[in-house]
């Protein structure tokens, strides 16, 4: 349960941080770096959502 909680916070933090980097990137930013930021934001959101669902299912029992 503690691992899921840590993963939840870390995943959503990564999603917010890298999502912001992707959205606030200057026009001259290389496309590869923008794609990397978007991929890391998506991975963080997926990890955050997965761990949140595990926590909520465990608490419902």
N, C-alpha and C. Protein backbone atom coordinates (compact mmCIF):
# COMPACT_ATOMS: atom_id res chain seq x y z
N UNK A 1 0.82 -1.18 0.00
CA UNK A 1 0.00 0.00 0.00
C UNK A 1 0.87 1.26 0.00
N UNK A 2 1.96 1.21 0.77
CA UNK A 2 2.85 2.37 0.84
C UNK A 2 3.51 2.61 -0.52
N UNK A 3 3.89 1.53 -1.20
CA UNK A 3 4.51 1.67 -2.51
C UNK A 3 3.55 2.29 -3.52
N UNK A 4 2.29 1.88 -3.47
CA UNK A 4 1.29 2.46 -4.37
C UNK A 4 1.09 3.94 -4.08
N UNK A 5 1.12 4.31 -2.81
CA UNK A 5 0.96 5.71 -2.45
C UNK A 5 2.12 6.56 -2.98
N UNK A 6 3.32 6.04 -2.84
CA UNK A 6 4.49 6.76 -3.34
C UNK A 6 4.44 6.85 -4.86
N UNK A 7 4.06 5.76 -5.52
CA UNK A 7 3.95 5.76 -6.97
C UNK A 7 2.88 6.72 -7.45
N UNK A 8 1.79 6.83 -6.71
CA UNK A 8 0.72 7.75 -7.07
C UNK A 8 1.21 9.20 -7.06
N UNK A 9 1.87 9.58 -5.99
CA UNK A 9 2.37 10.95 -5.88
C UNK A 9 3.45 11.22 -6.92
N UNK A 10 4.36 10.28 -7.08
CA UNK A 10 5.44 10.46 -8.05
C UNK A 10 4.92 10.50 -9.48
N UNK A 11 3.96 9.63 -9.79
CA UNK A 11 3.40 9.60 -11.14
C UNK A 11 2.68 10.87 -11.50
N UNK A 12 1.83 11.36 -10.62
CA UNK A 12 1.10 12.60 -10.91
C UNK A 12 2.03 13.80 -10.93
N UNK A 13 3.06 13.79 -10.09
CA UNK A 13 4.03 14.89 -10.12
C UNK A 13 4.79 14.90 -11.44
N UNK A 14 5.17 13.74 -11.92
CA UNK A 14 5.86 13.65 -13.21
C UNK A 14 4.94 14.09 -14.34
N UNK A 15 3.69 13.71 -14.27
CA UNK A 15 2.74 14.11 -15.30
C UNK A 15 2.59 15.63 -15.34
N UNK A 16 2.48 16.24 -14.18
CA UNK A 16 2.34 17.70 -14.13
C UNK A 16 3.62 18.40 -14.58
N UNK A 17 4.77 17.94 -14.10
CA UNK A 17 6.03 18.60 -14.44
C UNK A 17 6.35 18.48 -15.93
N UNK A 18 6.30 17.27 -16.46
CA UNK A 18 6.64 17.09 -17.87
C UNK A 18 5.54 17.61 -18.79
N UNK A 19 4.30 17.57 -18.33
CA UNK A 19 3.23 18.18 -19.12
C UNK A 19 3.42 19.67 -19.24
N UNK A 20 3.84 20.30 -18.15
CA UNK A 20 4.10 21.74 -18.19
C UNK A 20 5.27 22.04 -19.12
N UNK A 21 6.33 21.23 -19.04
CA UNK A 21 7.47 21.43 -19.93
C UNK A 21 7.06 21.29 -21.39
N UNK A 22 6.18 20.37 -21.68
CA UNK A 22 5.73 20.17 -23.07
C UNK A 22 4.85 21.34 -23.53
N UNK A 23 3.98 21.83 -22.64
CA UNK A 23 3.08 22.92 -23.03
C UNK A 23 3.77 24.28 -23.09
N UNK A 24 4.74 24.50 -22.21
CA UNK A 24 5.38 25.81 -22.13
C UNK A 24 6.69 25.87 -22.92
N UNK A 25 6.92 24.91 -23.79
CA UNK A 25 8.17 24.87 -24.55
C UNK A 25 8.21 26.04 -25.54
N UNK A 26 9.39 26.64 -25.70
CA UNK A 26 9.52 27.71 -26.69
C UNK A 26 9.41 27.16 -28.11
N UNK A 27 9.20 28.04 -29.05
CA UNK A 27 9.01 27.62 -30.44
C UNK A 27 10.24 26.92 -31.02
N UNK A 28 11.43 27.27 -30.56
CA UNK A 28 12.66 26.69 -31.10
C UNK A 28 13.04 25.35 -30.49
N UNK A 29 12.20 24.81 -29.63
CA UNK A 29 12.50 23.53 -28.95
C UNK A 29 12.54 22.39 -29.99
N UNK A 30 13.55 21.53 -29.91
CA UNK A 30 13.61 20.40 -30.85
C UNK A 30 12.39 19.48 -30.68
N UNK A 31 11.94 18.94 -31.79
CA UNK A 31 10.75 18.08 -31.76
C UNK A 31 10.97 16.82 -30.94
N UNK A 32 12.19 16.30 -30.94
CA UNK A 32 12.49 15.10 -30.17
C UNK A 32 12.35 15.33 -28.67
N UNK A 33 12.79 16.50 -28.22
CA UNK A 33 12.68 16.81 -26.79
C UNK A 33 11.22 17.03 -26.40
N UNK A 34 10.45 17.65 -27.26
CA UNK A 34 9.02 17.84 -27.00
C UNK A 34 8.30 16.49 -26.94
N UNK A 35 8.64 15.59 -27.84
CA UNK A 35 8.03 14.25 -27.83
C UNK A 35 8.42 13.48 -26.57
N UNK A 36 9.65 13.64 -26.13
CA UNK A 36 10.10 12.99 -24.89
C UNK A 36 9.31 13.51 -23.69
N UNK A 37 9.12 14.82 -23.62
CA UNK A 37 8.35 15.40 -22.52
C UNK A 37 6.91 14.89 -22.53
N UNK A 38 6.32 14.80 -23.71
CA UNK A 38 4.94 14.32 -23.81
C UNK A 38 4.86 12.84 -23.41
N UNK A 39 5.85 12.05 -23.81
CA UNK A 39 5.85 10.62 -23.46
C UNK A 39 6.03 10.43 -21.95
N UNK A 40 6.91 11.21 -21.34
CA UNK A 40 7.11 11.11 -19.90
C UNK A 40 5.88 11.58 -19.13
N UNK A 41 5.21 12.61 -19.63
CA UNK A 41 3.99 13.07 -18.99
C UNK A 41 2.90 12.00 -19.08
N UNK A 42 2.78 11.37 -20.22
CA UNK A 42 1.79 10.30 -20.38
C UNK A 42 2.10 9.09 -19.51
N UNK A 43 3.37 8.74 -19.41
CA UNK A 43 3.76 7.63 -18.55
C UNK A 43 3.49 7.93 -17.09
N UNK A 44 3.78 9.16 -16.67
CA UNK A 44 3.50 9.57 -15.30
C UNK A 44 2.02 9.56 -14.99
N UNK A 45 1.21 10.03 -15.93
CA UNK A 45 -0.24 10.01 -15.73
C UNK A 45 -0.77 8.58 -15.65
N UNK A 46 -0.24 7.71 -16.49
CA UNK A 46 -0.68 6.31 -16.46
C UNK A 46 -0.29 5.64 -15.14
N UNK A 47 0.92 5.90 -14.67
CA UNK A 47 1.36 5.32 -13.39
C UNK A 47 0.54 5.88 -12.24
N UNK A 48 0.26 7.17 -12.27
CA UNK A 48 -0.55 7.78 -11.23
C UNK A 48 -1.97 7.24 -11.21
N UNK A 49 -2.56 7.08 -12.37
CA UNK A 49 -3.93 6.57 -12.45
C UNK A 49 -3.99 5.10 -12.01
N UNK A 50 -3.03 4.30 -12.45
CA UNK A 50 -3.01 2.89 -12.08
C UNK A 50 -2.87 2.72 -10.57
N UNK A 51 -1.95 3.47 -9.98
CA UNK A 51 -1.75 3.33 -8.54
C UNK A 51 -2.95 3.88 -7.76
N UNK A 52 -3.56 4.95 -8.25
CA UNK A 52 -4.75 5.50 -7.58
C UNK A 52 -5.90 4.48 -7.61
N UNK A 53 -6.07 3.81 -8.74
CA UNK A 53 -7.12 2.79 -8.83
C UNK A 53 -6.84 1.63 -7.89
N UNK A 54 -5.58 1.22 -7.77
CA UNK A 54 -5.24 0.14 -6.83
C UNK A 54 -5.53 0.55 -5.40
N UNK A 55 -5.20 1.79 -5.05
CA UNK A 55 -5.46 2.26 -3.69
C UNK A 55 -6.95 2.33 -3.42
N UNK A 56 -7.71 2.86 -4.37
CA UNK A 56 -9.16 3.00 -4.15
C UNK A 56 -9.85 1.64 -4.07
N UNK A 57 -9.40 0.67 -4.86
CA UNK A 57 -10.00 -0.68 -4.77
C UNK A 57 -9.66 -1.34 -3.45
N UNK A 58 -8.45 -1.11 -2.97
CA UNK A 58 -8.03 -1.71 -1.70
C UNK A 58 -8.82 -1.11 -0.53
N UNK A 59 -9.11 0.18 -0.60
CA UNK A 59 -9.84 0.84 0.48
C UNK A 59 -11.33 0.47 0.48
N UNK A 60 -11.85 0.05 -0.67
CA UNK A 60 -13.25 -0.32 -0.76
C UNK A 60 -13.54 -1.67 -0.12
N UNK A 61 -12.54 -2.46 0.09
CA UNK A 61 -12.73 -3.81 0.65
C UNK A 61 -13.09 -3.75 2.10
